[in-house]
Amino acid sequence: MSIALLVTVGGLTSVGLYLVTARSLSRIILGFTLLGHAAVVALVTAGGPSGRAPIVGAGDAQIANPLPQALALTAIVISFGLTLFLLALAGRQQELSGDDLVEDDLEDRRIARAERQQAGAS
């Protein structure tokens, strides 16, 4: 494994996690996109060195492992679907509130306050 690829995976993951914890939907979308890229690079790195085609040929020659390649394609499709879903959420948030800031849920606050009052009363 290449140290540069490991550092790249670590960097993409750390920046992606930092962006996901933001309150802005645009930063959250960028964070999930970076996490998807980190997953693909990690899967390709875990696949090991390149070799010959896995189906063509026979013998003792080193062949490439097709499983990490298939998993990387699956990760690309999943991250693409998640990005489109988050973009739809961001568009709806922009339409309703005029910005992409994720606000605190007022209903959650009300329920937590009611539970605290019940716990204090008993």
N, C-alpha and C. Protein backbone atom coordinates (compact mmCIF):
# COMPACT_ATOMS: atom_id res chain seq x y z
N MET A 1 0.84 -1.18 0.00
CA MET A 1 0.00 0.00 0.00
C MET A 1 0.88 1.24 0.00
N SER A 2 0.41 2.23 -0.67
CA SER A 2 1.15 3.47 -0.76
C SER A 2 0.79 4.36 0.43
N ILE A 3 1.82 4.96 1.01
CA ILE A 3 1.60 5.88 2.12
C ILE A 3 0.81 7.10 1.65
N ALA A 4 1.05 7.53 0.43
CA ALA A 4 0.33 8.70 -0.09
C ALA A 4 -1.18 8.43 -0.18
N LEU A 5 -1.55 7.22 -0.59
CA LEU A 5 -2.97 6.89 -0.66
C LEU A 5 -3.60 6.80 0.72
N LEU A 6 -2.85 6.28 1.69
CA LEU A 6 -3.37 6.21 3.05
C LEU A 6 -3.56 7.60 3.64
N VAL A 7 -2.61 8.50 3.38
CA VAL A 7 -2.73 9.88 3.85
C VAL A 7 -3.91 10.56 3.15
N THR A 8 -4.11 10.26 1.88
CA THR A 8 -5.23 10.84 1.14
C THR A 8 -6.56 10.37 1.73
N VAL A 9 -6.66 9.09 2.02
CA VAL A 9 -7.89 8.56 2.63
C VAL A 9 -8.13 9.21 3.98
N GLY A 10 -7.10 9.32 4.79
CA GLY A 10 -7.24 9.96 6.09
C GLY A 10 -7.63 11.42 5.99
N GLY A 11 -7.02 12.13 5.04
CA GLY A 11 -7.35 13.55 4.86
C GLY A 11 -8.78 13.74 4.38
N LEU A 12 -9.18 12.96 3.39
CA LEU A 12 -10.55 13.08 2.89
C LEU A 12 -11.57 12.74 3.97
N THR A 13 -11.28 11.71 4.76
CA THR A 13 -12.20 11.31 5.83
C THR A 13 -12.29 12.39 6.90
N SER A 14 -11.15 12.93 7.32
CA SER A 14 -11.18 13.92 8.39
C SER A 14 -11.87 15.21 7.95
N VAL A 15 -11.58 15.68 6.75
CA VAL A 15 -12.25 16.89 6.25
C VAL A 15 -13.73 16.62 6.03
N GLY A 16 -14.07 15.44 5.52
CA GLY A 16 -15.47 15.09 5.31
C GLY A 16 -16.25 15.04 6.60
N LEU A 17 -15.68 14.44 7.64
CA LEU A 17 -16.36 14.39 8.93
C LEU A 17 -16.51 15.78 9.54
N TYR A 18 -15.50 16.62 9.37
CA TYR A 18 -15.59 18.00 9.87
C TYR A 18 -16.73 18.75 9.18
N LEU A 19 -16.85 18.58 7.87
CA LEU A 19 -17.90 19.29 7.14
C LEU A 19 -19.29 18.74 7.44
N VAL A 20 -19.40 17.45 7.72
CA VAL A 20 -20.70 16.86 8.02
C VAL A 20 -21.26 17.41 9.33
N THR A 21 -20.39 17.79 10.26
CA THR A 21 -20.85 18.30 11.55
C THR A 21 -21.24 19.78 11.49
N ALA A 22 -21.17 20.40 10.33
CA ALA A 22 -21.54 21.81 10.20
C ALA A 22 -23.05 21.96 10.19
N ARG A 23 -23.52 23.19 10.33
CA ARG A 23 -24.97 23.44 10.35
C ARG A 23 -25.48 23.87 8.98
N SER A 24 -24.61 24.09 8.04
CA SER A 24 -25.01 24.49 6.70
C SER A 24 -25.17 23.25 5.82
N LEU A 25 -26.30 23.17 5.12
CA LEU A 25 -26.54 21.99 4.28
C LEU A 25 -25.53 21.88 3.14
N SER A 26 -25.06 23.00 2.63
CA SER A 26 -24.08 22.94 1.54
C SER A 26 -22.77 22.32 2.04
N ARG A 27 -22.37 22.61 3.26
CA ARG A 27 -21.17 21.99 3.81
C ARG A 27 -21.41 20.51 4.12
N ILE A 28 -22.60 20.17 4.56
CA ILE A 28 -22.92 18.77 4.83
C ILE A 28 -22.86 17.96 3.54
N ILE A 29 -23.38 18.53 2.45
CA ILE A 29 -23.33 17.84 1.15
C ILE A 29 -21.89 17.63 0.71
N LEU A 30 -21.06 18.67 0.84
CA LEU A 30 -19.65 18.53 0.49
C LEU A 30 -18.96 17.48 1.37
N GLY A 31 -19.32 17.44 2.65
CA GLY A 31 -18.73 16.46 3.56
C GLY A 31 -19.06 15.03 3.17
N PHE A 32 -20.33 14.77 2.84
CA PHE A 32 -20.70 13.42 2.42
C PHE A 32 -20.07 13.06 1.07
N THR A 33 -19.89 14.04 0.22
CA THR A 33 -19.22 13.78 -1.06
C THR A 33 -17.76 13.39 -0.82
N LEU A 34 -17.09 14.11 0.07
CA LEU A 34 -15.70 13.76 0.38
C LEU A 34 -15.60 12.39 1.05
N LEU A 35 -16.57 12.06 1.90
CA LEU A 35 -16.56 10.73 2.52
C LEU A 35 -16.76 9.63 1.48
N GLY A 36 -17.59 9.90 0.47
CA GLY A 36 -17.77 8.93 -0.61
C GLY A 36 -16.48 8.73 -1.39
N HIS A 37 -15.78 9.83 -1.66
CA HIS A 37 -14.50 9.71 -2.37
C HIS A 37 -13.47 8.97 -1.52
N ALA A 38 -13.48 9.22 -0.21
CA ALA A 38 -12.56 8.52 0.67
C ALA A 38 -12.83 7.02 0.66
N ALA A 39 -14.10 6.64 0.62
CA ALA A 39 -14.44 5.22 0.59
C ALA A 39 -13.94 4.56 -0.70
N VAL A 40 -14.10 5.25 -1.81
CA VAL A 40 -13.65 4.69 -3.09
C VAL A 40 -12.13 4.54 -3.11
N VAL A 41 -11.41 5.57 -2.66
CA VAL A 41 -9.95 5.49 -2.64
C VAL A 41 -9.49 4.40 -1.67
N ALA A 42 -10.17 4.25 -0.54
CA ALA A 42 -9.81 3.20 0.41
C ALA A 42 -10.03 1.81 -0.18
N LEU A 43 -11.13 1.63 -0.91
CA LEU A 43 -11.38 0.33 -1.53
C LEU A 43 -10.37 0.01 -2.61
N VAL A 44 -10.01 1.01 -3.41
CA VAL A 44 -9.02 0.78 -4.46
C VAL A 44 -7.66 0.49 -3.84
N THR A 45 -7.33 1.19 -2.76
CA THR A 45 -6.07 0.95 -2.07
C THR A 45 -6.05 -0.44 -1.46
N ALA A 46 -7.17 -0.87 -0.89
CA ALA A 46 -7.23 -2.19 -0.27
C ALA A 46 -7.15 -3.31 -1.30
N GLY A 47 -7.42 -3.00 -2.57
CA GLY A 47 -7.37 -4.01 -3.62
C GLY A 47 -5.97 -4.52 -3.91
N GLY A 48 -4.95 -3.80 -3.46
CA GLY A 48 -3.58 -4.23 -3.66
C GLY A 48 -3.03 -3.78 -5.00
N PRO A 49 -1.89 -4.30 -5.36
CA PRO A 49 -1.26 -3.89 -6.61
C PRO A 49 -2.04 -4.38 -7.83
N SER A 50 -1.84 -3.69 -8.92
CA SER A 50 -2.52 -4.08 -10.14
C SER A 50 -1.91 -5.37 -10.68
N GLY A 51 -2.71 -6.08 -11.42
CA GLY A 51 -2.26 -7.34 -12.01
C GLY A 51 -2.94 -7.54 -13.34
N ARG A 52 -2.94 -8.76 -13.81
CA ARG A 52 -3.61 -9.06 -15.07
C ARG A 52 -5.10 -9.13 -14.86
N ALA A 53 -5.84 -9.18 -15.94
CA ALA A 53 -7.30 -9.27 -15.87
C ALA A 53 -7.69 -10.55 -15.13
N PRO A 54 -8.71 -10.50 -14.26
CA PRO A 54 -9.03 -11.65 -13.42
C PRO A 54 -9.65 -12.82 -14.14
N ILE A 55 -10.26 -12.61 -15.31
CA ILE A 55 -10.95 -13.71 -15.98
C ILE A 55 -10.12 -14.27 -17.13
N VAL A 56 -9.44 -13.40 -17.85
CA VAL A 56 -8.67 -13.83 -19.02
C VAL A 56 -7.36 -14.46 -18.56
N GLY A 57 -6.98 -15.53 -19.19
CA GLY A 57 -5.69 -16.15 -18.90
C GLY A 57 -5.78 -17.18 -17.79
N ALA A 58 -4.77 -17.95 -17.68
CA ALA A 58 -4.71 -18.96 -16.64
C ALA A 58 -3.27 -19.14 -16.23
N GLY A 59 -3.07 -19.84 -15.19
CA GLY A 59 -1.70 -20.11 -14.75
C GLY A 59 -1.43 -19.46 -13.41
N ASP A 60 -0.14 -19.32 -13.11
CA ASP A 60 0.29 -18.81 -11.82
C ASP A 60 0.52 -17.30 -11.83
N ALA A 61 0.19 -16.63 -12.89
CA ALA A 61 0.42 -15.19 -12.98
C ALA A 61 -0.47 -14.47 -11.96
N GLN A 62 0.05 -13.39 -11.43
CA GLN A 62 -0.72 -12.61 -10.46
C GLN A 62 -1.88 -11.91 -11.17
N ILE A 63 -3.09 -12.10 -10.63
CA ILE A 63 -4.25 -11.48 -11.24
C ILE A 63 -4.82 -10.43 -10.29
N ALA A 64 -5.54 -9.49 -10.85
CA ALA A 64 -6.16 -8.43 -10.06
C ALA A 64 -7.38 -8.99 -9.33
N ASN A 65 -7.64 -8.44 -8.16
CA ASN A 65 -8.80 -8.84 -7.38
C ASN A 65 -10.00 -8.01 -7.84
N PRO A 66 -11.04 -8.62 -8.38
CA PRO A 66 -12.17 -7.85 -8.90
C PRO A 66 -13.13 -7.35 -7.82
N LEU A 67 -13.08 -7.90 -6.61
CA LEU A 67 -14.03 -7.51 -5.57
C LEU A 67 -13.89 -6.04 -5.15
N PRO A 68 -12.68 -5.52 -4.88
CA PRO A 68 -12.60 -4.10 -4.52
C PRO A 68 -13.09 -3.18 -5.64
N GLN A 69 -12.89 -3.59 -6.88
CA GLN A 69 -13.37 -2.77 -7.99
C GLN A 69 -14.89 -2.74 -8.02
N ALA A 70 -15.52 -3.86 -7.78
CA ALA A 70 -16.98 -3.91 -7.74
C ALA A 70 -17.52 -3.12 -6.56
N LEU A 71 -16.87 -3.23 -5.41
CA LEU A 71 -17.30 -2.47 -4.24
C LEU A 71 -17.11 -0.97 -4.45
N ALA A 72 -16.04 -0.59 -5.15
CA ALA A 72 -15.82 0.83 -5.43
C ALA A 72 -16.92 1.38 -6.35
N LEU A 73 -17.31 0.61 -7.34
CA LEU A 73 -18.42 1.05 -8.20
C LEU A 73 -19.72 1.18 -7.41
N THR A 74 -19.94 0.24 -6.49
CA THR A 74 -21.13 0.33 -5.65
C THR A 74 -21.08 1.56 -4.76
N ALA A 75 -19.91 1.86 -4.21
CA ALA A 75 -19.76 3.05 -3.36
C ALA A 75 -19.99 4.32 -4.16
N ILE A 76 -19.57 4.35 -5.41
CA ILE A 76 -19.80 5.52 -6.26
C ILE A 76 -21.29 5.73 -6.48
N VAL A 77 -22.01 4.66 -6.77
CA VAL A 77 -23.44 4.78 -7.01
C VAL A 77 -24.18 5.21 -5.75
N ILE A 78 -23.82 4.66 -4.61
CA ILE A 78 -24.47 5.02 -3.36
C ILE A 78 -24.20 6.47 -3.01
N SER A 79 -22.95 6.92 -3.15
CA SER A 79 -22.63 8.31 -2.82
C SER A 79 -23.31 9.28 -3.79
N PHE A 80 -23.47 8.87 -5.04
CA PHE A 80 -24.18 9.70 -6.00
C PHE A 80 -25.65 9.84 -5.61
N GLY A 81 -26.29 8.74 -5.23
CA GLY A 81 -27.68 8.78 -4.79
C GLY A 81 -27.85 9.61 -3.53
N LEU A 82 -26.94 9.48 -2.57
CA LEU A 82 -27.00 10.26 -1.35
C LEU A 82 -26.82 11.75 -1.64
N THR A 83 -25.91 12.07 -2.54
CA THR A 83 -25.69 13.47 -2.91
C THR A 83 -26.94 14.06 -3.55
N LEU A 84 -27.59 13.32 -4.43
CA LEU A 84 -28.81 13.83 -5.06
C LEU A 84 -29.93 14.01 -4.02
N PHE A 85 -30.04 13.08 -3.08
CA PHE A 85 -31.05 13.21 -2.02
C PHE A 85 -30.78 14.45 -1.17
N LEU A 86 -29.52 14.66 -0.79
CA LEU A 86 -29.19 15.83 0.02
C LEU A 86 -29.38 17.13 -0.76
N LEU A 87 -29.11 17.11 -2.06
CA LEU A 87 -29.37 18.30 -2.87
C LEU A 87 -30.86 18.61 -2.95
N ALA A 88 -31.69 17.57 -3.00
CA ALA A 88 -33.14 17.79 -2.99
C ALA A 88 -33.58 18.37 -1.65
N LEU A 89 -33.01 17.87 -0.54
CA LEU A 89 -33.32 18.43 0.77
C LEU A 89 -32.87 19.89 0.87
N ALA A 90 -31.70 20.19 0.35
CA ALA A 90 -31.20 21.56 0.40
C ALA A 90 -32.06 22.49 -0.45
N GLY A 91 -32.50 22.01 -1.60
CA GLY A 91 -33.39 22.83 -2.43
C GLY A 91 -34.71 23.10 -1.75
N ARG A 92 -35.24 22.10 -1.08
CA ARG A 92 -36.51 22.29 -0.35
C ARG A 92 -36.32 23.23 0.84
N GLN A 93 -35.20 23.11 1.54
CA GLN A 93 -34.90 24.00 2.66
C GLN A 93 -34.75 25.44 2.17
N GLN A 94 -34.09 25.62 1.04
CA GLN A 94 -33.93 26.95 0.46
C GLN A 94 -35.29 27.53 0.08
N GLU A 95 -36.16 26.69 -0.46
CA GLU A 95 -37.48 27.15 -0.87
C GLU A 95 -38.34 27.55 0.33
N LEU A 96 -38.24 26.78 1.42
CA LEU A 96 -39.08 27.05 2.59
C LEU A 96 -38.57 28.19 3.46
N SER A 97 -37.26 28.21 3.72
CA SER A 97 -36.74 29.18 4.68
C SER A 97 -35.88 30.27 4.07
N GLY A 98 -35.42 30.08 2.85
CA GLY A 98 -34.59 31.11 2.21
C GLY A 98 -33.10 30.96 2.48
N ASP A 99 -32.69 30.01 3.31
CA ASP A 99 -31.27 29.74 3.51
C ASP A 99 -31.06 28.24 3.69
N ASP A 100 -29.81 27.83 3.81
CA ASP A 100 -29.54 26.40 3.93
C ASP A 100 -29.03 26.03 5.32
N LEU A 101 -29.32 26.86 6.30
CA LEU A 101 -28.90 26.60 7.67
C LEU A 101 -29.86 25.62 8.34
N VAL A 102 -29.31 24.59 8.98
CA VAL A 102 -30.12 23.60 9.67
C VAL A 102 -30.43 24.14 11.07
N GLU A 103 -31.68 24.37 11.33
CA GLU A 103 -32.11 24.92 12.62
C GLU A 103 -32.38 23.80 13.61
N ASP A 104 -32.41 24.16 14.89
CA ASP A 104 -32.80 23.20 15.92
C ASP A 104 -34.27 22.88 15.76
N ASP A 105 -34.62 21.65 16.06
CA ASP A 105 -36.00 21.22 15.95
C ASP A 105 -36.76 21.68 17.19
N LEU A 106 -37.73 22.55 17.02
CA LEU A 106 -38.48 23.09 18.15
C LEU A 106 -39.33 22.03 18.83
N GLU A 107 -39.82 21.07 18.08
CA GLU A 107 -40.63 20.00 18.66
C GLU A 107 -39.79 19.13 19.60
N ASP A 108 -38.55 18.86 19.22
CA ASP A 108 -37.66 18.09 20.10
C ASP A 108 -37.40 18.84 21.40
N ARG A 109 -37.22 20.14 21.31
CA ARG A 109 -37.01 20.94 22.52
C ARG A 109 -38.25 20.89 23.42
N ARG A 110 -39.43 20.98 22.82
CA ARG A 110 -40.66 20.96 23.59
C ARG A 110 -40.83 19.63 24.32
N ILE A 111 -40.55 18.52 23.63
CA ILE A 111 -40.68 17.19 24.24
C ILE A 111 -39.66 17.02 25.36
N ALA A 112 -38.42 17.47 25.15
CA ALA A 112 -37.40 17.35 26.19
C ALA A 112 -37.78 18.18 27.41
N ARG A 113 -38.33 19.37 27.20
CA ARG A 113 -38.76 20.22 28.31
C ARG A 113 -39.89 19.55 29.08
N ALA A 114 -40.85 18.95 28.37
CA ALA A 114 -41.97 18.27 29.03
C ALA A 114 -41.48 17.06 29.82
N GLU A 115 -40.50 16.32 29.31
CA GLU A 115 -39.96 15.17 30.03
C GLU A 115 -39.23 15.61 31.29
N ARG A 116 -38.51 16.72 31.21
CA ARG A 116 -37.82 17.22 32.39
C ARG A 116 -38.81 17.66 33.46
N GLN A 117 -39.91 18.28 33.01
CA GLN A 117 -40.92 18.71 33.97
C GLN A 117 -41.58 17.51 34.64
N GLN A 118 -41.84 16.46 33.88
CA GLN A 118 -42.44 15.25 34.44
C GLN A 118 -41.48 14.57 35.41
N ALA A 119 -40.20 14.56 35.08
CA ALA A 119 -39.21 13.94 35.95
C ALA A 119 -39.07 14.74 37.25
N GLY A 120 -39.19 16.08 37.16
CA GLY A 120 -39.08 16.92 38.35
C GLY A 120 -40.32 16.82 39.22
N ALA A 121 -41.48 16.57 38.61
CA ALA A 121 -42.73 16.50 39.36
C ALA A 121 -42.85 15.19 40.12
N SER A 122 -42.23 14.14 39.64
CA SER A 122 -42.39 12.83 40.30
C SER A 122 -41.28 12.53 41.26
